[in-house]
Amino acid sequence: MFRSLVLTSLLLFGVVTSGSVVKRSDDTPPLTALVQQQAATIQSLQAQQTTLLQSLNDVTARLTSLEHDYKQDHAEQVVFHVKFSGSYNVPLDVGLHATLKFDSVMSNVGHGYNRETGIFTAPFDGTYLFLLDAMHFPDAHHSSQLGVKMTGGHVLASTYGQTNITQHDNGWTRDTVQTAVPLQHGQQVWVEHLYGGTLFRQSAFTTFTGVLVHVI
């Protein structure tokens, strides 16, 4: 009698069927439940990571923009204007293939120009504009060239003077060139004699000018 009652109870609770243990419809193994829970947690963390990465990218882009704006607003101005200090009616021999050393510095904001070497060194990354104005003096070569050169020896622009004693002002010829070039901090620009005559008029007749027009 007692054994019959026990079996009946077990069958009612769905624990024993045909001599074997069976699962109830709402019975989930502990390991399966744990795996499902971990999978849900991983999905949640992945979603949070995606959101955080997007926020980080947005912050990085904003900081880059602010850094650029700061450079534009606070970068020191760069401009120089130089010439030869001698009298305008006394020709100066600059030397064959020599770097021209303009010794009279009218302005040098940013301290990029070195009067001892005649070389300008870019203090900032940026786009620079250079202007060379040269008055050539007639001599046996009858023509001459000056070049604006930069690091690596590249000629950015060059003047050309075709001297002729029958021209106005006793054969003096004047040429002006300008060039814009992007420079990295530390790159250099200078004026160099390229060809022909080496005599040039001094004072305000032969000048070299540079200015930073845009910070990169």
C-alpha atoms as a PDB file:
ATOM      1  CA  MET A   1       0.000   0.000   0.000  1.00  0.00           C
ATOM      2  CA  PHE A   2       2.732   2.439   0.975  1.00  0.00           C
ATOM      3  CA  ARG A   3       4.838   1.611  -2.154  1.00  0.00           C
ATOM      4  CA  SER A   4       1.817   2.286  -4.344  1.00  0.00           C
ATOM      5  CA  LEU A   5       1.316   5.706  -2.798  1.00  0.00           C
ATOM      6  CA  VAL A   6       4.952   6.672  -3.340  1.00  0.00           C
ATOM      7  CA  LEU A   7       4.892   5.679  -7.011  1.00  0.00           C
ATOM      8  CA  THR A   8       1.677   7.537  -7.551  1.00  0.00           C
ATOM      9  CA  SER A   9       3.206  10.669  -6.023  1.00  0.00           C
ATOM     10  CA  LEU A  10       6.302  10.441  -8.159  1.00  0.00           C
ATOM     11  CA  LEU A  11       4.270  10.043 -11.313  1.00  0.00           C
ATOM     12  CA  LEU A  12       2.152  13.042 -10.427  1.00  0.00           C
ATOM     13  CA  PHE A  13       5.271  15.230 -10.130  1.00  0.00           C
ATOM     14  CA  GLY A  14       6.695  13.883 -13.406  1.00  0.00           C
ATOM     15  CA  VAL A  15       9.869  12.584 -11.832  1.00  0.00           C
ATOM     16  CA  VAL A  16       9.619   8.891 -12.806  1.00  0.00           C
ATOM     17  CA  THR A  17       8.238   7.424 -16.043  1.00  0.00           C
ATOM     18  CA  SER A  18       8.642   3.779 -17.061  1.00  0.00           C
ATOM     19  CA  GLY A  19      11.385   3.324 -14.520  1.00  0.00           C
ATOM     20  CA  SER A  20      13.509   6.345 -15.610  1.00  0.00           C
ATOM     21  CA  VAL A  21      13.941   9.909 -14.371  1.00  0.00           C
ATOM     22  CA  VAL A  22      12.482  12.600 -16.674  1.00  0.00           C
ATOM     23  CA  LYS A  23      12.649  16.400 -16.740  1.00  0.00           C
ATOM     24  CA  ARG A  24       9.785  18.701 -16.112  1.00  0.00           C
ATOM     25  CA  SER A  25       8.877  21.189 -18.812  1.00  0.00           C
ATOM     26  CA  ASP A  26      10.201  24.097 -16.706  1.00  0.00           C
ATOM     27  CA  ASP A  27      13.382  22.334 -15.595  1.00  0.00           C
ATOM     28  CA  THR A  28      16.573  23.955 -17.196  1.00  0.00           C
ATOM     29  CA  PRO A  29      19.981  22.393 -16.445  1.00  0.00           C
ATOM     30  CA  PRO A  30      22.218  24.779 -14.391  1.00  0.00           C
ATOM     31  CA  LEU A  31      25.053  24.750 -16.996  1.00  0.00           C
ATOM     32  CA  THR A  32      22.714  25.706 -19.853  1.00  0.00           C
ATOM     33  CA  ALA A  33      21.288  28.563 -17.825  1.00  0.00           C
ATOM     34  CA  LEU A  34      24.792  29.774 -16.992  1.00  0.00           C
ATOM     35  CA  VAL A  35      25.849  29.717 -20.659  1.00  0.00           C
ATOM     36  CA  GLN A  36      22.750  31.651 -21.681  1.00  0.00           C
ATOM     37  CA  GLN A  37      23.386  34.207 -18.960  1.00  0.00           C
ATOM     38  CA  GLN A  38      27.034  34.640 -19.992  1.00  0.00           C
ATOM     39  CA  ALA A  39      26.053  35.024 -23.660  1.00  0.00           C
ATOM     40  CA  ALA A  40      23.597  37.767 -22.759  1.00  0.00           C
ATOM     41  CA  THR A  41      26.259  39.486 -20.653  1.00  0.00           C
ATOM     42  CA  ILE A  42      28.786  39.327 -23.521  1.00  0.00           C
ATOM     43  CA  GLN A  43      26.283  40.826 -25.957  1.00  0.00           C
ATOM     44  CA  SER A  44      25.575  43.635 -23.522  1.00  0.00           C
ATOM     45  CA  LEU A  45      29.292  44.318 -23.024  1.00  0.00           C
ATOM     46  CA  GLN A  46      29.908  44.307 -26.774  1.00  0.00           C
ATOM     47  CA  ALA A  47      27.159  46.873 -27.263  1.00  0.00           C
ATOM     48  CA  GLN A  48      28.665  49.031 -24.506  1.00  0.00           C
ATOM     49  CA  GLN A  49      32.124  48.702 -26.086  1.00  0.00           C
ATOM     50  CA  THR A  50      30.799  49.829 -29.471  1.00  0.00           C
ATOM     51  CA  THR A  51      29.181  52.853 -27.847  1.00  0.00           C
ATOM     52  CA  LEU A  52      32.346  53.723 -25.910  1.00  0.00           C
ATOM     53  CA  LEU A  53      34.545  53.400 -29.022  1.00  0.00           C
ATOM     54  CA  GLN A  54      32.246  55.725 -30.939  1.00  0.00           C
ATOM     55  CA  SER A  55      32.365  58.223 -28.081  1.00  0.00           C
ATOM     56  CA  LEU A  56      36.168  57.958 -27.990  1.00  0.00           C
ATOM     57  CA  ASN A  57      36.394  58.593 -31.744  1.00  0.00           C
ATOM     58  CA  ASP A  58      34.145  61.623 -31.381  1.00  0.00           C
ATOM     59  CA  VAL A  59      36.291  63.009 -28.553  1.00  0.00           C
ATOM     60  CA  THR A  60      39.508  62.391 -30.524  1.00  0.00           C
ATOM     61  CA  ALA A  61      38.106  64.190 -33.566  1.00  0.00           C
ATOM     62  CA  ARG A  62      37.020  67.093 -31.387  1.00  0.00           C
ATOM     63  CA  LEU A  63      40.449  67.351 -29.732  1.00  0.00           C
ATOM     64  CA  THR A  64      42.140  67.324 -33.148  1.00  0.00           C
ATOM     65  CA  SER A  65      39.858  70.131 -34.292  1.00  0.00           C
ATOM     66  CA  LEU A  66      40.527  72.156 -31.138  1.00  0.00           C
ATOM     67  CA  GLU A  67      44.287  71.637 -31.513  1.00  0.00           C
ATOM     68  CA  HIS A  68      44.153  72.909 -35.098  1.00  0.00           C
ATOM     69  CA  ASP A  69      42.071  75.917 -34.047  1.00  0.00           C
ATOM     70  CA  TYR A  70      44.513  76.652 -31.232  1.00  0.00           C
ATOM     71  CA  LYS A  71      47.457  76.586 -33.626  1.00  0.00           C
ATOM     72  CA  GLN A  72      45.632  78.943 -35.968  1.00  0.00           C
ATOM     73  CA  ASP A  73      44.755  81.344 -33.145  1.00  0.00           C
ATOM     74  CA  HIS A  74      47.969  81.241 -31.133  1.00  0.00           C
ATOM     75  CA  ALA A  75      50.756  80.404 -33.557  1.00  0.00           C
ATOM     76  CA  GLU A  76      53.367  83.117 -33.674  1.00  0.00           C
ATOM     77  CA  GLN A  77      53.370  85.085 -36.896  1.00  0.00           C
ATOM     78  CA  VAL A  78      56.299  84.441 -39.210  1.00  0.00           C
ATOM     79  CA  VAL A  79      57.494  87.099 -41.631  1.00  0.00           C
ATOM     80  CA  PHE A  80      60.899  88.381 -42.662  1.00  0.00           C
ATOM     81  CA  HIS A  81      62.158  90.996 -45.091  1.00  0.00           C
ATOM     82  CA  VAL A  82      65.871  91.413 -45.807  1.00  0.00           C
ATOM     83  CA  LYS A  83      68.151  93.277 -48.176  1.00  0.00           C
ATOM     84  CA  PHE A  84      71.819  94.202 -48.666  1.00  0.00           C
ATOM     85  CA  SER A  85      73.123  96.987 -46.457  1.00  0.00           C
ATOM     86  CA  GLY A  86      75.463  98.596 -49.022  1.00  0.00           C
ATOM     87  CA  SER A  87      74.788 101.694 -51.100  1.00  0.00           C
ATOM     88  CA  TYR A  88      72.433 101.226 -54.024  1.00  0.00           C
ATOM     89  CA  ASN A  89      75.024 102.620 -56.492  1.00  0.00           C
ATOM     90  CA  VAL A  90      77.761 100.182 -55.435  1.00  0.00           C
ATOM     91  CA  PRO A  91      77.331  96.717 -57.036  1.00  0.00           C
ATOM     92  CA  LEU A  92      77.748  93.712 -54.757  1.00  0.00           C
ATOM     93  CA  ASP A  93      79.535  90.569 -55.950  1.00  0.00           C
ATOM     94  CA  VAL A  94      77.532  87.729 -54.387  1.00  0.00           C
ATOM     95  CA  GLY A  95      79.918  85.021 -55.561  1.00  0.00           C
ATOM     96  CA  LEU A  96      79.529  82.211 -58.064  1.00  0.00           C
ATOM     97  CA  HIS A  97      77.003  79.588 -56.904  1.00  0.00           C
ATOM     98  CA  ALA A  98      77.016  81.155 -53.445  1.00  0.00           C
ATOM     99  CA  THR A  99      74.185  81.568 -50.958  1.00  0.00           C
ATOM    100  CA  LEU A 100      73.186  85.225 -50.757  1.00  0.00           C
ATOM    101  CA  LYS A 101      73.594  86.585 -47.237  1.00  0.00           C
ATOM    102  CA  PHE A 102      71.232  89.521 -46.903  1.00  0.00           C
ATOM    103  CA  ASP A 103      72.770  91.349 -43.966  1.00  0.00           C
ATOM    104  CA  SER A 104      70.211  94.123 -43.474  1.00  0.00           C
ATOM    105  CA  VAL A 105      67.234  92.611 -41.641  1.00  0.00           C
ATOM    106  CA  MET A 106      64.214  94.893 -41.877  1.00  0.00           C
ATOM    107  CA  SER A 107      61.915  92.438 -40.064  1.00  0.00           C
ATOM    108  CA  ASN A 108      62.270  88.933 -38.703  1.00  0.00           C
ATOM    109  CA  VAL A 109      59.108  88.017 -36.803  1.00  0.00           C
ATOM    110  CA  GLY A 110      59.397  84.428 -35.651  1.00  0.00           C
ATOM    111  CA  HIS A 111      63.221  84.533 -35.883  1.00  0.00           C
ATOM    112  CA  GLY A 112      63.312  82.197 -38.861  1.00  0.00           C
ATOM    113  CA  TYR A 113      65.913  84.100 -40.905  1.00  0.00           C
ATOM    114  CA  ASN A 114      69.622  83.874 -40.052  1.00  0.00           C
ATOM    115  CA  ARG A 115      71.617  86.820 -41.358  1.00  0.00           C
ATOM    116  CA  GLU A 116      74.917  84.996 -40.794  1.00  0.00           C
ATOM    117  CA  THR A 117      74.009  82.167 -43.169  1.00  0.00           C
ATOM    118  CA  GLY A 118      71.340  83.814 -45.331  1.00  0.00           C
ATOM    119  CA  ILE A 119      69.073  80.839 -44.643  1.00  0.00           C
ATOM    120  CA  PHE A 120      65.462  80.830 -43.455  1.00  0.00           C
ATOM    121  CA  THR A 121      64.393  77.907 -41.249  1.00  0.00           C
ATOM    122  CA  ALA A 122      60.672  77.225 -40.882  1.00  0.00           C
ATOM    123  CA  PRO A 123      59.654  77.482 -37.207  1.00  0.00           C
ATOM    124  CA  PHE A 124      56.235  75.897 -37.875  1.00  0.00           C
ATOM    125  CA  ASP A 125      54.648  73.423 -40.257  1.00  0.00           C
ATOM    126  CA  GLY A 126      52.743  75.498 -42.784  1.00  0.00           C
ATOM    127  CA  THR A 127      52.453  77.070 -46.208  1.00  0.00           C
ATOM    128  CA  TYR A 128      54.962  79.856 -46.821  1.00  0.00           C
ATOM    129  CA  LEU A 129      55.109  82.543 -49.487  1.00  0.00           C
ATOM    130  CA  PHE A 130      58.514  83.786 -50.661  1.00  0.00           C
ATOM    131  CA  LEU A 131      59.303  86.801 -52.810  1.00  0.00           C
ATOM    132  CA  LEU A 132      62.671  87.514 -54.448  1.00  0.00           C
ATOM    133  CA  ASP A 133      63.330  90.865 -56.084  1.00  0.00           C
ATOM    134  CA  ALA A 134      66.707  91.206 -57.812  1.00  0.00           C
ATOM    135  CA  MET A 135      68.377  93.927 -59.865  1.00  0.00           C
ATOM    136  CA  HIS A 136      71.152  92.510 -62.052  1.00  0.00           C
ATOM    137  CA  PHE A 137      74.220  94.563 -62.945  1.00  0.00           C
ATOM    138  CA  PRO A 138      75.698  94.418 -66.468  1.00  0.00           C
ATOM    139  CA  ASP A 139      79.006  92.587 -66.708  1.00  0.00           C
ATOM    140  CA  ALA A 140      80.901  90.304 -69.061  1.00  0.00           C
ATOM    141  CA  HIS A 141      78.379  87.475 -68.689  1.00  0.00           C
ATOM    142  CA  HIS A 142      75.500  89.616 -69.964  1.00  0.00           C
ATOM    143  CA  SER A 143      72.960  87.503 -68.058  1.00  0.00           C
ATOM    144  CA  SER A 144      72.532  86.031 -64.605  1.00  0.00           C
ATOM    145  CA  GLN A 145      70.189  83.920 -62.509  1.00  0.00           C
ATOM    146  CA  LEU A 146      69.293  83.698 -58.857  1.00  0.00           C
ATOM    147  CA  GLY A 147      67.228  80.846 -57.441  1.00  0.00           C
ATOM    148  CA  VAL A 148      65.028  80.378 -54.402  1.00  0.00           C
ATOM    149  CA  LYS A 149      66.052  76.941 -53.140  1.00  0.00           C
ATOM    150  CA  MET A 150      64.876  74.708 -50.318  1.00  0.00           C
ATOM    151  CA  THR A 151      66.038  71.691 -48.352  1.00  0.00           C
ATOM    152  CA  GLY A 152      67.043  68.996 -50.793  1.00  0.00           C
ATOM    153  CA  GLY A 153      68.369  71.510 -53.322  1.00  0.00           C
ATOM    154  CA  HIS A 154      65.070  71.992 -55.144  1.00  0.00           C
ATOM    155  CA  VAL A 155      64.795  75.284 -57.051  1.00  0.00           C
ATOM    156  CA  LEU A 156      61.381  76.783 -56.267  1.00  0.00           C
ATOM    157  CA  ALA A 157      61.724  79.847 -58.493  1.00  0.00           C
ATOM    158  CA  SER A 158      64.463  81.802 -60.256  1.00  0.00           C
ATOM    159  CA  THR A 159      65.086  85.297 -61.519  1.00  0.00           C
ATOM    160  CA  TYR A 160      66.681  86.013 -64.873  1.00  0.00           C
ATOM    161  CA  GLY A 161      68.553  89.144 -65.772  1.00  0.00           C
ATOM    162  CA  GLN A 162      69.559  89.847 -69.384  1.00  0.00           C
ATOM    163  CA  THR A 163      71.989  92.696 -69.050  1.00  0.00           C
ATOM    164  CA  ASN A 164      72.538  95.138 -71.894  1.00  0.00           C
ATOM    165  CA  ILE A 165      74.297  98.515 -71.605  1.00  0.00           C
ATOM    166  CA  THR A 166      71.935  99.992 -74.177  1.00  0.00           C
ATOM    167  CA  GLN A 167      68.932  99.448 -71.895  1.00  0.00           C
ATOM    168  CA  HIS A 168      67.442 102.101 -69.647  1.00  0.00           C
ATOM    169  CA  ASP A 169      69.286 102.904 -66.409  1.00  0.00           C
ATOM    170  CA  ASN A 170      72.715 101.952 -67.764  1.00  0.00           C
ATOM    171  CA  GLY A 171      71.875  98.295 -68.375  1.00  0.00           C
ATOM    172  CA  TRP A 172      70.378  97.358 -65.003  1.00  0.00           C
ATOM    173  CA  THR A 173      67.623  94.754 -65.308  1.00  0.00           C
ATOM    174  CA  ARG A 174      65.202  93.837 -62.569  1.00  0.00           C
ATOM    175  CA  ASP A 175      63.240  90.633 -62.096  1.00  0.00           C
ATOM    176  CA  THR A 176      60.802  89.534 -59.396  1.00  0.00           C
ATOM    177  CA  VAL A 177      59.607  85.997 -58.660  1.00  0.00           C
ATOM    178  CA  GLN A 178      57.394  84.536 -55.991  1.00  0.00           C
ATOM    179  CA  THR A 179      56.565  81.025 -54.871  1.00  0.00           C
ATOM    180  CA  ALA A 180      54.386  79.322 -52.270  1.00  0.00           C
ATOM    181  CA  VAL A 181      55.475  76.052 -50.724  1.00  0.00           C
ATOM    182  CA  PRO A 182      54.443  73.829 -47.789  1.00  0.00           C
ATOM    183  CA  LEU A 183      57.268  73.411 -45.289  1.00  0.00           C
ATOM    184  CA  GLN A 184      57.735  71.212 -42.282  1.00  0.00           C
ATOM    185  CA  HIS A 185      59.293  72.535 -39.104  1.00  0.00           C
ATOM    186  CA  GLY A 186      63.059  72.767 -39.628  1.00  0.00           C
ATOM    187  CA  GLN A 187      63.058  72.799 -43.422  1.00  0.00           C
ATOM    188  CA  GLN A 188      65.093  75.613 -44.960  1.00  0.00           C
ATOM    189  CA  VAL A 189      64.836  78.099 -47.816  1.00  0.00           C
ATOM    190  CA  TRP A 190      67.505  80.422 -49.195  1.00  0.00           C
ATOM    191  CA  VAL A 191      68.598  82.391 -52.292  1.00  0.00           C
ATOM    192  CA  GLU A 192      71.493  81.042 -54.323  1.00  0.00           C
ATOM    193  CA  HIS A 193      73.392  82.268 -57.368  1.00  0.00           C
ATOM    194  CA  LEU A 194      72.684  79.830 -60.201  1.00  0.00           C
ATOM    195  CA  TYR A 195      74.320  81.149 -63.345  1.00  0.00           C
ATOM    196  CA  GLY A 196      76.162  83.987 -65.045  1.00  0.00           C
ATOM    197  CA  GLY A 197      76.944  87.397 -63.627  1.00  0.00           C
ATOM    198  CA  THR A 198      77.454  87.799 -59.887  1.00  0.00           C
ATOM    199  CA  LEU A 199      76.960  91.577 -59.527  1.00  0.00           C
ATOM    200  CA  PHE A 200      73.718  92.884 -58.053  1.00  0.00           C
ATOM    201  CA  ARG A 201      72.453  96.236 -56.919  1.00  0.00           C
ATOM    202  CA  GLN A 202      72.208  96.660 -53.163  1.00  0.00           C
ATOM    203  CA  SER A 203      69.855  98.384 -50.742  1.00  0.00           C
ATOM    204  CA  ALA A 204      66.141  98.077 -51.578  1.00  0.00           C
ATOM    205  CA  PHE A 205      66.838  96.957 -55.165  1.00  0.00           C
ATOM    206  CA  THR A 206      67.619  93.331 -54.254  1.00  0.00           C
ATOM    207  CA  THR A 207      65.451  91.892 -51.455  1.00  0.00           C
ATOM    208  CA  PHE A 208      64.186  88.616 -50.084  1.00  0.00           C
ATOM    209  CA  THR A 209      60.861  88.244 -48.258  1.00  0.00           C
ATOM    210  CA  GLY A 210      58.999  85.346 -46.651  1.00  0.00           C
ATOM    211  CA  VAL A 211      55.736  84.970 -44.760  1.00  0.00           C
ATOM    212  CA  LEU A 212      53.764  82.151 -43.172  1.00  0.00           C
ATOM    213  CA  VAL A 213      50.308  82.246 -44.755  1.00  0.00           C
ATOM    214  CA  HIS A 214      48.731  79.099 -43.302  1.00  0.00           C
ATOM    215  CA  VAL A 215      49.527  76.805 -40.389  1.00  0.00           C
ATOM    216  CA  ILE A 216      49.219  73.103 -41.203  1.00  0.00           C
END
